[in-house]
Amino acid sequence: MENMHLRRVRTMPRHSQSLTMAPYSSVSLVEQLEDRILCHEKTTAALVEHAFRIKDDIVNSLQKMQNK
């Protein structure tokens, strides 16, 4: 069998790496986590709104096609 070298794969997302470098203060860590959660909530809300607009556009297009 040939020499097989195992390579470690980083499993932590890139955006999480900044948390590991933060000073080990529970207050700042909690604030960082709250900021990330708020950011994710805003992103999720925007994506859901966009998805509903797309759905409405598709429904409208299909209704127009049926009427023809």
C-alpha atoms as a PDB file:
ATOM      1  CA  MET A   1       0.000   0.000   0.000  1.00  0.00           C
ATOM      2  CA  GLU A   2       1.292   3.443  -0.882  1.00  0.00           C
ATOM      3  CA  ASN A   3       2.031   6.029   1.745  1.00  0.00           C
ATOM      4  CA  MET A   4      -1.251   7.687   2.531  1.00  0.00           C
ATOM      5  CA  HIS A   5      -1.184  11.019   4.244  1.00  0.00           C
ATOM      6  CA  LEU A   6      -4.303  12.098   6.025  1.00  0.00           C
ATOM      7  CA  ARG A   7      -5.131  15.718   5.778  1.00  0.00           C
ATOM      8  CA  ARG A   8      -7.085  17.564   8.430  1.00  0.00           C
ATOM      9  CA  VAL A   9     -10.124  19.306   7.095  1.00  0.00           C
ATOM     10  CA  ARG A  10     -11.283  22.464   8.814  1.00  0.00           C
ATOM     11  CA  THR A  11     -14.921  21.975   9.715  1.00  0.00           C
ATOM     12  CA  MET A  12     -15.554  25.423  11.172  1.00  0.00           C
ATOM     13  CA  PRO A  13     -17.048  27.903   8.718  1.00  0.00           C
ATOM     14  CA  ARG A  14     -14.805  30.820   7.863  1.00  0.00           C
ATOM     15  CA  HIS A  15     -17.145  33.374   9.453  1.00  0.00           C
ATOM     16  CA  SER A  16     -16.901  31.500  12.779  1.00  0.00           C
ATOM     17  CA  GLN A  17     -13.143  31.791  12.960  1.00  0.00           C
ATOM     18  CA  SER A  18     -13.329  35.332  14.289  1.00  0.00           C
ATOM     19  CA  LEU A  19     -15.105  34.037  17.372  1.00  0.00           C
ATOM     20  CA  THR A  20     -12.175  31.838  18.302  1.00  0.00           C
ATOM     21  CA  MET A  21      -9.776  34.750  18.137  1.00  0.00           C
ATOM     22  CA  ALA A  22     -11.862  37.026  20.333  1.00  0.00           C
ATOM     23  CA  PRO A  23     -10.691  37.705  23.863  1.00  0.00           C
ATOM     24  CA  TYR A  24     -12.078  35.106  26.202  1.00  0.00           C
ATOM     25  CA  SER A  25     -14.647  37.366  27.766  1.00  0.00           C
ATOM     26  CA  SER A  26     -18.139  35.970  28.084  1.00  0.00           C
ATOM     27  CA  VAL A  27     -19.668  39.422  27.629  1.00  0.00           C
ATOM     28  CA  SER A  28     -17.944  40.086  24.311  1.00  0.00           C
ATOM     29  CA  LEU A  29     -18.613  36.518  23.165  1.00  0.00           C
ATOM     30  CA  VAL A  30     -22.295  36.862  24.010  1.00  0.00           C
ATOM     31  CA  GLU A  31     -22.440  40.194  22.177  1.00  0.00           C
ATOM     32  CA  GLN A  32     -20.773  38.673  19.128  1.00  0.00           C
ATOM     33  CA  LEU A  33     -23.198  35.763  19.146  1.00  0.00           C
ATOM     34  CA  GLU A  34     -26.172  38.105  19.499  1.00  0.00           C
ATOM     35  CA  ASP A  35     -24.891  40.190  16.578  1.00  0.00           C
ATOM     36  CA  ARG A  36     -24.488  37.089  14.423  1.00  0.00           C
ATOM     37  CA  ILE A  37     -27.967  35.848  15.324  1.00  0.00           C
ATOM     38  CA  LEU A  38     -29.468  39.244  14.470  1.00  0.00           C
ATOM     39  CA  CYS A  39     -27.609  39.271  11.164  1.00  0.00           C
ATOM     40  CA  HIS A  40     -28.857  35.751  10.358  1.00  0.00           C
ATOM     41  CA  GLU A  41     -32.419  36.733  11.265  1.00  0.00           C
ATOM     42  CA  LYS A  42     -32.296  39.755   8.962  1.00  0.00           C
ATOM     43  CA  THR A  43     -30.840  37.675   6.141  1.00  0.00           C
ATOM     44  CA  THR A  44     -33.454  34.967   6.623  1.00  0.00           C
ATOM     45  CA  ALA A  45     -36.283  37.517   6.625  1.00  0.00           C
ATOM     46  CA  ALA A  46     -34.981  39.087   3.401  1.00  0.00           C
ATOM     47  CA  LEU A  47     -34.662  35.673   1.738  1.00  0.00           C
ATOM     48  CA  VAL A  48     -38.181  34.660   2.776  1.00  0.00           C
ATOM     49  CA  GLU A  49     -39.602  37.918   1.411  1.00  0.00           C
ATOM     50  CA  HIS A  50     -37.733  37.379  -1.845  1.00  0.00           C
ATOM     51  CA  ALA A  51     -39.001  33.797  -2.091  1.00  0.00           C
ATOM     52  CA  PHE A  52     -42.599  34.948  -1.636  1.00  0.00           C
ATOM     53  CA  ARG A  53     -42.163  37.618  -4.331  1.00  0.00           C
ATOM     54  CA  ILE A  54     -40.836  34.961  -6.704  1.00  0.00           C
ATOM     55  CA  LYS A  55     -43.748  32.668  -5.838  1.00  0.00           C
ATOM     56  CA  ASP A  56     -46.228  35.486  -6.492  1.00  0.00           C
ATOM     57  CA  ASP A  57     -44.570  36.244  -9.842  1.00  0.00           C
ATOM     58  CA  ILE A  58     -44.809  32.585 -10.852  1.00  0.00           C
ATOM     59  CA  VAL A  59     -48.461  32.341  -9.787  1.00  0.00           C
ATOM     60  CA  ASN A  60     -49.308  35.531 -11.698  1.00  0.00           C
ATOM     61  CA  SER A  61     -47.513  34.258 -14.802  1.00  0.00           C
ATOM     62  CA  LEU A  62     -49.328  30.937 -14.653  1.00  0.00           C
ATOM     63  CA  GLN A  63     -52.686  32.676 -14.216  1.00  0.00           C
ATOM     64  CA  LYS A  64     -51.995  34.884 -17.245  1.00  0.00           C
ATOM     65  CA  MET A  65     -51.074  31.814 -19.298  1.00  0.00           C
ATOM     66  CA  GLN A  66     -54.322  30.076 -18.259  1.00  0.00           C
ATOM     67  CA  ASN A  67     -56.384  33.081 -19.258  1.00  0.00           C
ATOM     68  CA  LYS A  68     -54.982  33.085 -22.780  1.00  0.00           C
END
